[in-house]
Amino acid sequence: MEPPYIAILRSMAMDAHPQARAAWQAVMELLARERPRILAIQAEHDLRPPQVFALNALDEPAPMGRIAEALACDRSTVTWITDRLEVRGLVRRLPDPHDRRVTLLELTAEGRRVRSAVERKLAVPPPVFERLSDEEAEQLRALLGKLLHDR
């Protein structure tokens, strides 16, 4: 059974860019198929997607408000995520040396280790990518790069 949003995409009226819609639908279908694998990798480290997003947003100490913006959620959600990550020793709260009203989040050494382990496993392409030749994989990378970086 296909995910509900795929059925919605199929039922939408075609617009002026039917090929773009078909390409987007294919990307969504691929992501839907790979979701269980992605969630399983995160679960191996007892993490949920919002926690992984928060870890990925912490390249350097950052205000909790900036993390909320990066995750597109409210600050109370970041507090909830932070509480769970802090209990596990993956992040720590620090006072902002320039503004005592602000709390910074920082990855701990364990947080960096866990984030790196998750990143390494997620960097391995799923088996379906073995169907692509090197040239096709490069074409796909270039096209997706164009979508991600050309604004």
N, C-alpha and C. Protein backbone atom coordinates (compact mmCIF):
# COMPACT_ATOMS: atom_id res chain seq x y z
N MET A 1 0.85 -1.18 0.00
CA MET A 1 0.00 0.00 0.00
C MET A 1 0.89 1.24 0.00
N GLU A 2 0.58 2.18 -0.85
CA GLU A 2 1.40 3.38 -0.94
C GLU A 2 1.01 4.39 0.13
N PRO A 3 1.97 5.20 0.57
CA PRO A 3 1.66 6.23 1.57
C PRO A 3 0.59 7.18 1.04
N PRO A 4 -0.25 7.74 1.94
CA PRO A 4 -1.35 8.61 1.52
C PRO A 4 -0.90 9.80 0.68
N TYR A 5 0.25 10.39 1.01
CA TYR A 5 0.65 11.58 0.26
C TYR A 5 0.99 11.24 -1.19
N ILE A 6 1.39 10.00 -1.47
CA ILE A 6 1.66 9.60 -2.85
C ILE A 6 0.34 9.58 -3.62
N ALA A 7 -0.71 9.05 -3.00
CA ALA A 7 -2.02 9.04 -3.65
C ALA A 7 -2.51 10.46 -3.92
N ILE A 8 -2.25 11.36 -2.97
CA ILE A 8 -2.64 12.77 -3.16
C ILE A 8 -1.89 13.35 -4.35
N LEU A 9 -0.59 13.09 -4.42
CA LEU A 9 0.19 13.58 -5.55
C LEU A 9 -0.36 13.05 -6.87
N ARG A 10 -0.72 11.76 -6.88
CA ARG A 10 -1.25 11.17 -8.11
C ARG A 10 -2.57 11.81 -8.51
N SER A 11 -3.39 12.19 -7.53
CA SER A 11 -4.72 12.71 -7.83
C SER A 11 -4.74 14.20 -8.18
N MET A 12 -3.65 14.90 -7.91
CA MET A 12 -3.61 16.33 -8.19
C MET A 12 -3.66 16.59 -9.69
N ALA A 13 -4.35 17.66 -10.07
CA ALA A 13 -4.42 18.02 -11.49
C ALA A 13 -3.03 18.38 -11.98
N MET A 14 -2.73 18.02 -13.20
CA MET A 14 -1.43 18.33 -13.77
C MET A 14 -1.34 19.83 -14.02
N ASP A 15 -0.20 20.40 -13.71
CA ASP A 15 -0.02 21.83 -13.93
C ASP A 15 0.79 22.05 -15.20
N ALA A 16 1.39 23.21 -15.33
CA ALA A 16 2.15 23.56 -16.52
C ALA A 16 3.46 22.79 -16.62
N HIS A 17 3.85 22.09 -15.56
CA HIS A 17 5.13 21.37 -15.55
C HIS A 17 4.91 19.90 -15.18
N PRO A 18 4.28 19.14 -16.05
CA PRO A 18 4.00 17.74 -15.69
C PRO A 18 5.26 16.92 -15.46
N GLN A 19 6.35 17.21 -16.15
CA GLN A 19 7.58 16.45 -15.94
C GLN A 19 8.18 16.77 -14.58
N ALA A 20 8.10 18.02 -14.17
CA ALA A 20 8.59 18.39 -12.84
C ALA A 20 7.78 17.69 -11.77
N ARG A 21 6.46 17.64 -11.96
CA ARG A 21 5.59 16.95 -10.99
C ARG A 21 5.95 15.46 -10.94
N ALA A 22 6.17 14.85 -12.09
CA ALA A 22 6.53 13.43 -12.13
C ALA A 22 7.88 13.18 -11.46
N ALA A 23 8.83 14.09 -11.68
CA ALA A 23 10.14 13.95 -11.04
C ALA A 23 10.01 14.06 -9.53
N TRP A 24 9.24 15.04 -9.07
CA TRP A 24 9.03 15.22 -7.63
C TRP A 24 8.35 13.99 -7.04
N GLN A 25 7.36 13.46 -7.74
CA GLN A 25 6.67 12.27 -7.27
C GLN A 25 7.65 11.11 -7.12
N ALA A 26 8.56 10.96 -8.07
CA ALA A 26 9.55 9.88 -8.00
C ALA A 26 10.47 10.06 -6.79
N VAL A 27 10.89 11.31 -6.53
CA VAL A 27 11.72 11.58 -5.35
C VAL A 27 10.96 11.22 -4.08
N MET A 28 9.69 11.63 -4.00
CA MET A 28 8.89 11.33 -2.81
C MET A 28 8.71 9.82 -2.62
N GLU A 29 8.49 9.10 -3.71
CA GLU A 29 8.34 7.65 -3.61
C GLU A 29 9.63 7.00 -3.12
N LEU A 30 10.77 7.46 -3.63
CA LEU A 30 12.06 6.91 -3.19
C LEU A 30 12.27 7.19 -1.70
N LEU A 31 11.97 8.41 -1.27
CA LEU A 31 12.11 8.74 0.16
C LEU A 31 11.17 7.89 1.01
N ALA A 32 9.95 7.68 0.54
CA ALA A 32 9.00 6.86 1.29
C ALA A 32 9.51 5.43 1.43
N ARG A 33 10.10 4.90 0.38
CA ARG A 33 10.64 3.54 0.43
C ARG A 33 11.83 3.44 1.39
N GLU A 34 12.63 4.48 1.43
CA GLU A 34 13.85 4.45 2.24
C GLU A 34 13.62 4.88 3.69
N ARG A 35 12.45 5.43 3.98
CA ARG A 35 12.16 5.92 5.33
C ARG A 35 12.40 4.84 6.40
N PRO A 36 11.91 3.61 6.22
CA PRO A 36 12.16 2.59 7.26
C PRO A 36 13.65 2.36 7.53
N ARG A 37 14.47 2.36 6.48
CA ARG A 37 15.91 2.16 6.66
C ARG A 37 16.51 3.33 7.43
N ILE A 38 16.11 4.54 7.08
CA ILE A 38 16.62 5.73 7.76
C ILE A 38 16.22 5.72 9.23
N LEU A 39 14.95 5.41 9.50
CA LEU A 39 14.48 5.35 10.89
C LEU A 39 15.19 4.25 11.67
N ALA A 40 15.46 3.12 11.02
CA ALA A 40 16.15 2.02 11.70
C ALA A 40 17.57 2.42 12.09
N ILE A 41 18.26 3.13 11.20
CA ILE A 41 19.62 3.59 11.51
C ILE A 41 19.57 4.54 12.70
N GLN A 42 18.61 5.45 12.72
CA GLN A 42 18.49 6.37 13.85
C GLN A 42 18.14 5.61 15.13
N ALA A 43 17.26 4.63 15.01
CA ALA A 43 16.83 3.86 16.18
C ALA A 43 17.97 3.03 16.77
N GLU A 44 18.93 2.62 15.94
CA GLU A 44 20.10 1.89 16.45
C GLU A 44 20.82 2.70 17.52
N HIS A 45 20.69 4.01 17.44
CA HIS A 45 21.33 4.91 18.40
C HIS A 45 20.31 5.53 19.35
N ASP A 46 19.12 4.92 19.39
CA ASP A 46 18.03 5.37 20.26
C ASP A 46 17.70 6.84 20.01
N LEU A 47 17.63 7.21 18.73
CA LEU A 47 17.31 8.58 18.35
C LEU A 47 16.06 8.60 17.48
N ARG A 48 15.35 9.70 17.57
CA ARG A 48 14.21 9.96 16.70
C ARG A 48 14.63 11.08 15.73
N PRO A 49 13.93 11.21 14.60
CA PRO A 49 14.34 12.22 13.61
C PRO A 49 14.57 13.63 14.16
N PRO A 50 13.70 14.18 15.01
CA PRO A 50 13.98 15.54 15.49
C PRO A 50 15.29 15.64 16.29
N GLN A 51 15.64 14.57 16.99
CA GLN A 51 16.88 14.57 17.74
C GLN A 51 18.08 14.56 16.79
N VAL A 52 17.98 13.80 15.71
CA VAL A 52 19.06 13.77 14.72
C VAL A 52 19.19 15.13 14.05
N PHE A 53 18.05 15.76 13.72
CA PHE A 53 18.09 17.09 13.11
C PHE A 53 18.78 18.08 14.05
N ALA A 54 18.48 17.98 15.34
CA ALA A 54 19.10 18.89 16.31
C ALA A 54 20.61 18.64 16.39
N LEU A 55 21.02 17.39 16.45
CA LEU A 55 22.45 17.08 16.48
C LEU A 55 23.15 17.63 15.23
N ASN A 56 22.49 17.48 14.09
CA ASN A 56 23.08 17.96 12.83
C ASN A 56 23.16 19.48 12.77
N ALA A 57 22.33 20.17 13.52
CA ALA A 57 22.32 21.64 13.51
C ALA A 57 23.39 22.22 14.42
N LEU A 58 24.10 21.37 15.16
CA LEU A 58 25.05 21.85 16.16
C LEU A 58 26.50 21.65 15.73
N ASP A 59 26.91 22.30 14.67
CA ASP A 59 28.32 22.25 14.29
C ASP A 59 29.17 23.04 15.27
N GLU A 60 28.56 24.04 15.87
CA GLU A 60 29.21 24.86 16.90
C GLU A 60 28.13 25.21 17.91
N PRO A 61 28.50 25.67 19.10
CA PRO A 61 27.47 26.06 20.06
C PRO A 61 26.51 27.06 19.42
N ALA A 62 25.22 26.84 19.65
CA ALA A 62 24.20 27.68 19.01
C ALA A 62 23.08 27.97 20.00
N PRO A 63 22.47 29.15 19.88
CA PRO A 63 21.31 29.46 20.73
C PRO A 63 20.16 28.50 20.43
N MET A 64 19.40 28.17 21.45
CA MET A 64 18.28 27.26 21.26
C MET A 64 17.29 27.83 20.24
N GLY A 65 17.14 29.15 20.21
CA GLY A 65 16.25 29.78 19.24
C GLY A 65 16.67 29.51 17.81
N ARG A 66 17.97 29.50 17.56
CA ARG A 66 18.47 29.20 16.20
C ARG A 66 18.19 27.75 15.84
N ILE A 67 18.28 26.87 16.83
CA ILE A 67 17.97 25.45 16.58
C ILE A 67 16.48 25.32 16.24
N ALA A 68 15.63 26.06 16.95
CA ALA A 68 14.20 26.04 16.65
C ALA A 68 13.95 26.48 15.21
N GLU A 69 14.64 27.52 14.78
CA GLU A 69 14.50 27.98 13.39
C GLU A 69 14.96 26.91 12.41
N ALA A 70 16.09 26.29 12.69
CA ALA A 70 16.63 25.26 11.79
C ALA A 70 15.69 24.06 11.68
N LEU A 71 15.02 23.73 12.79
CA LEU A 71 14.11 22.60 12.80
C LEU A 71 12.68 22.99 12.44
N ALA A 72 12.45 24.28 12.23
CA ALA A 72 11.11 24.80 11.90
C ALA A 72 10.09 24.37 12.96
N CYS A 73 10.46 24.61 14.22
CA CYS A 73 9.56 24.28 15.32
C CYS A 73 9.65 25.39 16.37
N ASP A 74 8.82 25.27 17.39
CA ASP A 74 8.87 26.31 18.42
C ASP A 74 9.92 25.95 19.48
N ARG A 75 10.23 26.93 20.29
CA ARG A 75 11.30 26.75 21.28
C ARG A 75 10.98 25.68 22.32
N SER A 76 9.70 25.53 22.64
CA SER A 76 9.35 24.50 23.63
C SER A 76 9.67 23.11 23.10
N THR A 77 9.54 22.92 21.81
CA THR A 77 9.90 21.63 21.21
C THR A 77 11.40 21.40 21.30
N VAL A 78 12.18 22.45 21.07
CA VAL A 78 13.63 22.33 21.19
C VAL A 78 14.01 22.03 22.63
N THR A 79 13.31 22.61 23.58
CA THR A 79 13.57 22.31 25.00
C THR A 79 13.31 20.83 25.26
N TRP A 80 12.22 20.30 24.74
CA TRP A 80 11.88 18.88 24.92
C TRP A 80 12.96 18.00 24.30
N ILE A 81 13.38 18.33 23.07
CA ILE A 81 14.43 17.56 22.40
C ILE A 81 15.74 17.64 23.19
N THR A 82 16.08 18.85 23.61
CA THR A 82 17.33 19.07 24.35
C THR A 82 17.34 18.29 25.66
N ASP A 83 16.22 18.29 26.37
CA ASP A 83 16.15 17.55 27.63
C ASP A 83 16.55 16.09 27.42
N ARG A 84 16.02 15.47 26.37
CA ARG A 84 16.30 14.06 26.11
C ARG A 84 17.75 13.84 25.67
N LEU A 85 18.26 14.74 24.85
CA LEU A 85 19.66 14.62 24.41
C LEU A 85 20.62 14.87 25.56
N GLU A 86 20.26 15.80 26.43
CA GLU A 86 21.13 16.13 27.57
C GLU A 86 21.20 14.97 28.56
N VAL A 87 20.08 14.32 28.82
CA VAL A 87 20.06 13.17 29.73
C VAL A 87 20.99 12.08 29.22
N ARG A 88 21.09 11.94 27.91
CA ARG A 88 21.95 10.93 27.31
C ARG A 88 23.39 11.38 27.18
N GLY A 89 23.67 12.63 27.55
CA GLY A 89 25.03 13.13 27.47
C GLY A 89 25.48 13.50 26.07
N LEU A 90 24.52 13.79 25.18
CA LEU A 90 24.86 14.12 23.79
C LEU A 90 25.01 15.62 23.57
N VAL A 91 24.35 16.42 24.39
CA VAL A 91 24.47 17.89 24.32
C VAL A 91 24.57 18.43 25.73
N ARG A 92 25.02 19.67 25.81
CA ARG A 92 25.00 20.37 27.10
C ARG A 92 24.54 21.79 26.86
N ARG A 93 23.91 22.34 27.88
CA ARG A 93 23.48 23.74 27.83
C ARG A 93 24.59 24.61 28.41
N LEU A 94 24.80 25.75 27.77
CA LEU A 94 25.80 26.71 28.23
C LEU A 94 25.18 28.09 28.26
N PRO A 95 25.59 28.92 29.21
CA PRO A 95 25.13 30.31 29.16
C PRO A 95 25.85 31.03 28.03
N ASP A 96 25.14 31.90 27.35
CA ASP A 96 25.77 32.72 26.31
C ASP A 96 26.62 33.78 27.00
N PRO A 97 27.92 33.85 26.72
CA PRO A 97 28.78 34.81 27.41
C PRO A 97 28.44 36.27 27.08
N HIS A 98 27.68 36.48 26.00
CA HIS A 98 27.35 37.85 25.59
C HIS A 98 25.93 38.26 25.95
N ASP A 99 25.09 37.29 26.29
CA ASP A 99 23.69 37.60 26.60
C ASP A 99 23.17 36.54 27.57
N ARG A 100 23.08 36.90 28.82
CA ARG A 100 22.72 35.89 29.83
C ARG A 100 21.28 35.41 29.72
N ARG A 101 20.48 36.05 28.88
CA ARG A 101 19.11 35.57 28.65
C ARG A 101 19.08 34.37 27.70
N VAL A 102 20.19 34.15 27.00
CA VAL A 102 20.26 33.13 25.95
C VAL A 102 20.99 31.89 26.45
N THR A 103 20.44 30.74 26.12
CA THR A 103 21.09 29.46 26.41
C THR A 103 21.61 28.88 25.11
N LEU A 104 22.88 28.50 25.14
CA LEU A 104 23.50 27.86 23.98
C LEU A 104 23.46 26.35 24.16
N LEU A 105 23.40 25.65 23.04
CA LEU A 105 23.53 24.20 23.04
C LEU A 105 24.85 23.85 22.39
N GLU A 106 25.50 22.84 22.95
CA GLU A 106 26.78 22.39 22.43
C GLU A 106 26.80 20.87 22.40
N LEU A 107 27.32 20.31 21.32
CA LEU A 107 27.52 18.86 21.27
C LEU A 107 28.62 18.47 22.25
N THR A 108 28.42 17.37 22.94
CA THR A 108 29.49 16.80 23.76
C THR A 108 30.32 15.88 22.86
N ALA A 109 31.40 15.37 23.40
CA ALA A 109 32.22 14.41 22.64
C ALA A 109 31.37 13.20 22.25
N GLU A 110 30.53 12.74 23.16
CA GLU A 110 29.64 11.60 22.86
C GLU A 110 28.63 11.99 21.80
N GLY A 111 28.12 13.20 21.85
CA GLY A 111 27.19 13.68 20.83
C GLY A 111 27.84 13.70 19.45
N ARG A 112 29.09 14.15 19.39
CA ARG A 112 29.81 14.15 18.11
C ARG A 112 30.03 12.72 17.62
N ARG A 113 30.35 11.82 18.54
CA ARG A 113 30.57 10.42 18.16
C ARG A 113 29.30 9.80 17.60
N VAL A 114 28.17 10.00 18.30
CA VAL A 114 26.89 9.43 17.85
C VAL A 114 26.47 10.05 16.52
N ARG A 115 26.58 11.37 16.41
CA ARG A 115 26.21 12.03 15.16
C ARG A 115 27.04 11.49 14.00
N SER A 116 28.33 11.32 14.22
CA SER A 116 29.22 10.80 13.19
C SER A 116 28.84 9.37 12.80
N ALA A 117 28.49 8.56 13.78
CA ALA A 117 28.11 7.17 13.49
C ALA A 117 26.84 7.12 12.65
N VAL A 118 25.87 7.95 12.99
CA VAL A 118 24.62 8.00 12.21
C VAL A 118 24.92 8.51 10.80
N GLU A 119 25.71 9.56 10.69
CA GLU A 119 26.07 10.12 9.37
C GLU A 119 26.76 9.08 8.50
N ARG A 120 27.69 8.31 9.09
CA ARG A 120 28.41 7.28 8.31
C ARG A 120 27.44 6.25 7.74
N LYS A 121 26.50 5.80 8.57
CA LYS A 121 25.55 4.78 8.10
C LYS A 121 24.59 5.35 7.07
N LEU A 122 24.13 6.59 7.27
CA LEU A 122 23.21 7.19 6.31
C LEU A 122 23.91 7.55 4.99
N ALA A 123 25.22 7.69 5.02
CA ALA A 123 25.97 8.03 3.81
C ALA A 123 26.08 6.85 2.85
N VAL A 124 25.81 5.64 3.34
CA VAL A 124 25.85 4.46 2.47
C VAL A 124 24.57 4.45 1.64
N PRO A 125 24.70 4.50 0.32
CA PRO A 125 23.49 4.53 -0.51
C PRO A 125 22.69 3.24 -0.36
N PRO A 126 21.39 3.34 -0.48
CA PRO A 126 20.57 2.13 -0.41
C PRO A 126 20.85 1.24 -1.63
N PRO A 127 20.55 -0.05 -1.52
CA PRO A 127 20.84 -0.99 -2.61
C PRO A 127 20.26 -0.59 -3.97
N VAL A 128 19.14 0.11 -3.98
CA VAL A 128 18.52 0.50 -5.25
C VAL A 128 19.47 1.35 -6.10
N PHE A 129 20.41 2.04 -5.48
CA PHE A 129 21.35 2.87 -6.23
C PHE A 129 22.35 2.03 -7.03
N GLU A 130 22.45 0.74 -6.71
CA GLU A 130 23.34 -0.14 -7.47
C GLU A 130 22.86 -0.30 -8.91
N ARG A 131 21.59 0.03 -9.16
CA ARG A 131 21.04 -0.05 -10.52
C ARG A 131 21.59 1.04 -11.43
N LEU A 132 22.17 2.08 -10.84
CA LEU A 132 22.68 3.20 -11.62
C LEU A 132 24.13 2.96 -12.02
N SER A 133 24.45 3.29 -13.26
CA SER A 133 25.86 3.28 -13.67
C SER A 133 26.54 4.47 -12.99
N ASP A 134 27.86 4.50 -13.03
CA ASP A 134 28.58 5.64 -12.46
C ASP A 134 28.14 6.94 -13.14
N GLU A 135 27.96 6.88 -14.44
CA GLU A 135 27.55 8.08 -15.19
C GLU A 135 26.14 8.53 -14.76
N GLU A 136 25.23 7.58 -14.61
CA GLU A 136 23.87 7.93 -14.19
C GLU A 136 23.86 8.50 -12.77
N ALA A 137 24.66 7.90 -11.89
CA ALA A 137 24.74 8.41 -10.52
C ALA A 137 25.28 9.84 -10.52
N GLU A 138 26.25 10.13 -11.35
CA GLU A 138 26.80 11.48 -11.45
C GLU A 138 25.76 12.45 -12.00
N GLN A 139 24.99 12.02 -12.99
CA GLN A 139 23.93 12.87 -13.54
C GLN A 139 22.89 13.19 -12.46
N LEU A 140 22.51 12.17 -11.70
CA LEU A 140 21.53 12.38 -10.63
C LEU A 140 22.08 13.35 -9.59
N ARG A 141 23.35 13.15 -9.20
CA ARG A 141 23.96 14.05 -8.23
C ARG A 141 23.98 15.48 -8.74
N ALA A 142 24.33 15.66 -10.00
CA ALA A 142 24.39 17.00 -10.58
C ALA A 142 23.01 17.65 -10.63
N LEU A 143 22.01 16.88 -11.02
CA LEU A 143 20.65 17.44 -11.09
C LEU A 143 20.12 17.81 -9.71
N LEU A 144 20.32 16.92 -8.74
CA LEU A 144 19.87 17.24 -7.38
C LEU A 144 20.66 18.41 -6.81
N GLY A 145 21.95 18.46 -7.12
CA GLY A 145 22.76 19.60 -6.69
C GLY A 145 22.23 20.90 -7.25
N LYS A 146 21.80 20.88 -8.50
CA LYS A 146 21.23 22.08 -9.12
C LYS A 146 19.98 22.52 -8.36
N LEU A 147 19.15 21.57 -7.97
CA LEU A 147 17.94 21.91 -7.22
C LEU A 147 18.26 22.43 -5.83
N LEU A 148 19.29 21.88 -5.22
CA LEU A 148 19.63 22.26 -3.85
C LEU A 148 20.39 23.58 -3.76
N HIS A 149 21.16 23.91 -4.78
CA HIS A 149 22.07 25.05 -4.66
C HIS A 149 21.78 26.22 -5.58
N ASP A 150 21.03 26.03 -6.63
CA ASP A 150 20.73 27.13 -7.55
C ASP A 150 19.41 27.77 -7.16
N ARG A 151 19.50 28.88 -6.47
CA ARG A 151 18.27 29.56 -6.04
C ARG A 151 18.21 30.93 -6.61
